Structure formats: C-alpha cells, structure tokens
C-alpha cells in the first residue's frame, strides 16, 4: 500500500506545482514573507485568482499565513516542501 501512497503524493505535488500561477507565488515567496497586496502587484493577476491560489497552497501546507492587524502575510513552509520532496525520493 505504501507504493500507492507515494504515487498519490507525487500526483498531488504535480497538480499543485503544475499550475504556473502557483509556481509564481512560490517563487515570489522565496525572497521572504509578503502580504497579499505585494503578491498581487508582483503577479498582476486579479485579486480573487491570487486568493484562490493562496488558499490552495495554504490547504496543502506549502505556505504559511501570519495575520497582523488587518494584513495577511504569507511565507514558504520550507520544511513541508522539503519533506514532500524527500517523500518523492523514496522508491515506489
């Protein structure tokens, strides 16, 4: 059964990272913590589309959220990304 769990995880990561706007968000966050307004300016996409992608990345624990006052700040969840990539190295 472990074999199929690794395949499922591989498919999930492929789905998450296969969308170019989510990859762009992750690349923007590579430089450090950003608020949604800065991400919006960096990508020049509609705010609702960015929010949707941020929610998907949050749900899958690839990014972290920190709220301060009325602002939301996002950052990479580097350990989760490393763990998922390490999982993919395991033999099927």
Foldseek 3Di string as FASTA:
>chain_A
DLQVVLVVLVVVVCVLCVDPLLVVLQVVQVVHKDWLVVSCVVVVDDSVVSVVNVVVCVVLPQKDWDDDDPIIIIHGPVVSVVVSVVSNPDDD
